[in-house]
Amino acid sequence: MHTVVYTIELEDEDVRSAVFRNLQIESEESRTDRANFRVTTIDHTVKIEIEAKDLVMLRAFSNSVFRILKTCVEVADVVV
């Protein structure tokens, strides 16, 4: 199993909360037999831990999570 951990610092609490909630929902819906991810929040950071059975899936899942993260931050910036 391969693992990568990303830590994103988001100073705005409303943006951080929105990003966390959306990523948490996605983490529950995106689980596969080859990969999954978990999201936690501590202080001003959102921590994303991705686990995959192979490096190809780790990269693909990382790209997907970053697309979701980018969209969440863009929407939160507009809405919040």
Protein backbone atom coordinates (compact mmCIF):
# COMPACT_ATOMS: atom_id res chain seq x y z
CA MET A 1 0.00 0.00 0.00
CA HIS A 2 1.28 3.46 -0.93
CA THR A 3 0.39 6.56 1.08
CA VAL A 4 0.76 10.29 0.58
CA VAL A 5 -0.27 13.04 2.98
CA TYR A 6 -1.04 16.61 1.95
CA THR A 7 -1.48 19.42 4.46
CA ILE A 8 -3.20 22.58 3.25
CA GLU A 9 -3.23 25.72 5.37
CA LEU A 10 -6.45 27.74 5.10
CA GLU A 11 -6.63 30.77 7.37
CA ASP A 12 -10.31 31.57 6.74
CA GLU A 13 -12.35 29.35 9.06
CA ASP A 14 -15.46 29.43 6.83
CA VAL A 15 -13.48 28.38 3.77
CA ARG A 16 -11.65 25.69 5.75
CA SER A 17 -14.92 24.33 7.12
CA ALA A 18 -16.56 24.26 3.67
CA VAL A 19 -13.56 22.55 2.10
CA PHE A 20 -13.42 20.00 4.91
CA ARG A 21 -17.14 19.15 4.70
CA ASN A 22 -17.05 18.72 0.93
CA LEU A 23 -13.89 16.64 0.96
CA GLN A 24 -15.29 14.50 3.75
CA ILE A 25 -18.38 13.71 1.68
CA GLU A 26 -16.21 12.92 -1.34
CA SER A 27 -13.95 10.67 0.72
CA GLU A 28 -16.93 8.53 1.70
CA GLU A 29 -18.25 8.34 -1.88
CA SER A 30 -14.90 7.85 -3.63
CA ARG A 31 -13.66 4.70 -1.93
CA THR A 32 -12.60 1.92 -4.27
CA ASP A 33 -10.89 -1.42 -3.83
CA ARG A 34 -7.67 0.21 -5.12
CA ALA A 35 -7.67 3.56 -3.27
CA ASN A 36 -9.30 5.77 -0.69
CA PHE A 37 -8.63 8.99 1.18
CA ARG A 38 -9.30 10.51 4.58
CA VAL A 39 -9.58 14.14 5.49
CA THR A 40 -9.10 15.76 8.89
CA THR A 41 -8.83 19.32 10.10
CA ILE A 42 -6.66 20.70 12.88
CA ASP A 43 -6.29 24.38 13.69
CA HIS A 44 -5.78 26.19 10.36
CA THR A 45 -5.03 23.11 8.28
CA VAL A 46 -6.84 20.46 6.30
CA LYS A 47 -4.96 17.18 6.14
CA ILE A 48 -5.64 14.78 3.26
CA GLU A 49 -4.24 11.25 3.45
CA ILE A 50 -4.49 9.15 0.30
CA GLU A 51 -3.82 5.41 0.26
CA ALA A 52 -3.59 3.34 -2.91
CA LYS A 53 -2.53 -0.16 -3.87
CA ASP A 54 -0.27 1.07 -6.67
CA LEU A 55 1.49 4.27 -7.72
CA VAL A 56 -0.66 4.77 -10.81
CA MET A 57 -3.80 4.84 -8.68
CA LEU A 58 -2.09 7.04 -6.07
CA ARG A 59 -1.33 9.63 -8.73
CA ALA A 60 -4.81 9.41 -10.26
CA PHE A 61 -6.50 9.73 -6.87
CA SER A 62 -4.23 12.65 -5.93
CA ASN A 63 -5.19 14.45 -9.14
CA SER A 64 -8.88 13.85 -8.46
CA VAL A 65 -8.63 15.07 -4.88
CA PHE A 66 -6.79 18.21 -5.98
CA ARG A 67 -9.44 18.96 -8.61
CA ILE A 68 -12.12 18.62 -5.92
CA LEU A 69 -10.07 20.76 -3.52
CA LYS A 70 -9.56 23.48 -6.14
CA THR A 71 -13.28 23.58 -6.92
CA CYS A 72 -14.20 23.69 -3.21
CA VAL A 73 -11.85 26.60 -2.55
CA GLU A 74 -13.08 28.53 -5.60
CA VAL A 75 -16.73 28.06 -4.66
CA ALA A 76 -16.09 28.85 -0.99
CA ASP A 77 -14.28 32.07 -1.95
CA VAL A 78 -17.32 33.17 -3.96
CA VAL A 79 -19.98 32.07 -1.47
CA VAL A 80 -18.28 32.86 1.85
